[in-house]
Amino acid sequence: MTVQDKNAKAYWQANLRLIIGSLIIWALVSYGFGILFRPLLAGIAVGGTDLGFWFAQQGSIITFIILIFFYAWKMNKLDKEFGLDEE
């Protein structure tokens, strides 16, 4: 296995860790807080409604947008680390 192959494998593994972590956070917020844990969050009020409803309606969308920007930021750092950046 050449150095270039090792770098490509390390880059792909780092990318997969980032994707899997983002998907876990997305699933936890969207399905966990919005659906599965909603009865547990019902007693916590946010903006005139309970926290579970807030996560189902707005929290998951806001979290998804934050994850998009976080993923782009981390991928730019990862690209620079492996010499694949555009600049």
C-alpha atoms as a PDB file:
ATOM      1  CA  MET A   1       0.000   0.000   0.000  1.00  0.00           C
ATOM      2  CA  THR A   2       1.473   3.328  -1.069  1.00  0.00           C
ATOM      3  CA  VAL A   3       1.555   6.540   0.956  1.00  0.00           C
ATOM      4  CA  GLN A   4      -1.077   8.022  -1.329  1.00  0.00           C
ATOM      5  CA  ASP A   5      -3.367   5.022  -0.707  1.00  0.00           C
ATOM      6  CA  LYS A   6      -2.876   5.391   3.055  1.00  0.00           C
ATOM      7  CA  ASN A   7      -3.707   9.100   2.860  1.00  0.00           C
ATOM      8  CA  ALA A   8      -6.816   8.376   0.788  1.00  0.00           C
ATOM      9  CA  LYS A   9      -7.937   5.729   3.282  1.00  0.00           C
ATOM     10  CA  ALA A  10      -7.320   8.041   6.272  1.00  0.00           C
ATOM     11  CA  TYR A  11      -9.182  10.868   4.514  1.00  0.00           C
ATOM     12  CA  TRP A  12     -12.158   8.630   3.775  1.00  0.00           C
ATOM     13  CA  GLN A  13     -12.245   7.278   7.352  1.00  0.00           C
ATOM     14  CA  ALA A  14     -12.220  10.827   8.762  1.00  0.00           C
ATOM     15  CA  ASN A  15     -14.980  11.793   6.346  1.00  0.00           C
ATOM     16  CA  LEU A  16     -17.080   8.777   7.343  1.00  0.00           C
ATOM     17  CA  ARG A  17     -16.642   9.569  11.061  1.00  0.00           C
ATOM     18  CA  LEU A  18     -17.869  13.086  10.397  1.00  0.00           C
ATOM     19  CA  ILE A  19     -20.855  11.868   8.368  1.00  0.00           C
ATOM     20  CA  ILE A  20     -21.835   9.222  10.919  1.00  0.00           C
ATOM     21  CA  GLY A  21     -21.536  11.682  13.809  1.00  0.00           C
ATOM     22  CA  SER A  22     -23.679  14.221  11.961  1.00  0.00           C
ATOM     23  CA  LEU A  23     -26.307  11.600  11.158  1.00  0.00           C
ATOM     24  CA  ILE A  24     -26.430  10.459  14.783  1.00  0.00           C
ATOM     25  CA  ILE A  25     -26.978  14.028  15.987  1.00  0.00           C
ATOM     26  CA  TRP A  26     -29.611  14.612  13.296  1.00  0.00           C
ATOM     27  CA  ALA A  27     -31.470  11.391  14.186  1.00  0.00           C
ATOM     28  CA  LEU A  28     -31.308  12.087  17.909  1.00  0.00           C
ATOM     29  CA  VAL A  29     -32.725  15.581  17.511  1.00  0.00           C
ATOM     30  CA  SER A  30     -35.288  14.777  14.798  1.00  0.00           C
ATOM     31  CA  TYR A  31     -36.570  11.404  15.918  1.00  0.00           C
ATOM     32  CA  GLY A  32     -35.360  11.219  19.497  1.00  0.00           C
ATOM     33  CA  PHE A  33     -36.319  14.614  20.887  1.00  0.00           C
ATOM     34  CA  GLY A  34     -39.198  15.257  18.485  1.00  0.00           C
ATOM     35  CA  ILE A  35     -40.904  11.861  18.664  1.00  0.00           C
ATOM     36  CA  LEU A  36     -39.461   9.279  21.067  1.00  0.00           C
ATOM     37  CA  PHE A  37     -38.579  11.515  24.022  1.00  0.00           C
ATOM     38  CA  ARG A  38     -41.428  13.982  23.499  1.00  0.00           C
ATOM     39  CA  PRO A  39     -43.422  12.794  26.532  1.00  0.00           C
ATOM     40  CA  LEU A  40     -40.346  13.338  28.710  1.00  0.00           C
ATOM     41  CA  LEU A  41     -39.867  16.859  27.320  1.00  0.00           C
ATOM     42  CA  ALA A  42     -43.550  17.824  27.579  1.00  0.00           C
ATOM     43  CA  GLY A  43     -43.116  19.571  30.928  1.00  0.00           C
ATOM     44  CA  ILE A  44     -40.426  21.970  29.690  1.00  0.00           C
ATOM     45  CA  ALA A  45     -41.903  25.120  28.146  1.00  0.00           C
ATOM     46  CA  VAL A  46     -40.161  26.922  25.266  1.00  0.00           C
ATOM     47  CA  GLY A  47     -41.818  29.824  23.459  1.00  0.00           C
ATOM     48  CA  GLY A  48     -45.298  29.005  24.727  1.00  0.00           C
ATOM     49  CA  THR A  49     -45.159  25.303  23.823  1.00  0.00           C
ATOM     50  CA  ASP A  50     -43.448  22.191  25.145  1.00  0.00           C
ATOM     51  CA  LEU A  51     -39.852  21.367  24.240  1.00  0.00           C
ATOM     52  CA  GLY A  52     -40.737  18.132  22.406  1.00  0.00           C
ATOM     53  CA  PHE A  53     -43.101  19.969  20.063  1.00  0.00           C
ATOM     54  CA  TRP A  54     -40.504  22.709  19.547  1.00  0.00           C
ATOM     55  CA  PHE A  55     -37.864  20.133  18.523  1.00  0.00           C
ATOM     56  CA  ALA A  56     -40.327  18.434  16.166  1.00  0.00           C
ATOM     57  CA  GLN A  57     -41.300  21.711  14.483  1.00  0.00           C
ATOM     58  CA  GLN A  58     -38.277  24.010  14.630  1.00  0.00           C
ATOM     59  CA  GLY A  59     -35.439  22.519  16.633  1.00  0.00           C
ATOM     60  CA  SER A  60     -34.729  19.750  14.154  1.00  0.00           C
ATOM     61  CA  ILE A  61     -34.650  22.213  11.248  1.00  0.00           C
ATOM     62  CA  ILE A  62     -32.315  24.590  13.088  1.00  0.00           C
ATOM     63  CA  THR A  63     -30.089  21.682  14.109  1.00  0.00           C
ATOM     64  CA  PHE A  64     -29.994  20.440  10.504  1.00  0.00           C
ATOM     65  CA  ILE A  65     -28.904  23.873   9.235  1.00  0.00           C
ATOM     66  CA  ILE A  66     -26.219  24.069  11.936  1.00  0.00           C
ATOM     67  CA  LEU A  67     -25.018  20.585  10.934  1.00  0.00           C
ATOM     68  CA  ILE A  68     -24.710  21.672   7.298  1.00  0.00           C
ATOM     69  CA  PHE A  69     -22.444  24.583   8.218  1.00  0.00           C
ATOM     70  CA  PHE A  70     -20.504  22.459  10.724  1.00  0.00           C
ATOM     71  CA  TYR A  71     -19.949  19.734   8.109  1.00  0.00           C
ATOM     72  CA  ALA A  72     -18.731  22.269   5.531  1.00  0.00           C
ATOM     73  CA  TRP A  73     -16.360  23.857   8.068  1.00  0.00           C
ATOM     74  CA  LYS A  74     -14.948  20.488   9.184  1.00  0.00           C
ATOM     75  CA  MET A  75     -14.570  19.249   5.600  1.00  0.00           C
ATOM     76  CA  ASN A  76     -12.636  22.393   4.679  1.00  0.00           C
ATOM     77  CA  LYS A  77     -10.296  21.730   7.619  1.00  0.00           C
ATOM     78  CA  LEU A  78     -10.006  18.076   6.598  1.00  0.00           C
ATOM     79  CA  ASP A  79      -9.265  19.023   2.988  1.00  0.00           C
ATOM     80  CA  LYS A  80      -6.497  21.378   4.118  1.00  0.00           C
ATOM     81  CA  GLU A  81      -5.060  18.721   6.428  1.00  0.00           C
ATOM     82  CA  PHE A  82      -4.787  16.231   3.538  1.00  0.00           C
ATOM     83  CA  GLY A  83      -3.721  18.814   0.950  1.00  0.00           C
ATOM     84  CA  LEU A  84      -6.961  18.685  -1.008  1.00  0.00           C
ATOM     85  CA  ASP A  85      -8.125  22.252  -0.452  1.00  0.00           C
ATOM     86  CA  GLU A  86      -9.019  24.460  -3.374  1.00  0.00           C
ATOM     87  CA  GLU A  87      -6.774  27.371  -2.480  1.00  0.00           C
END
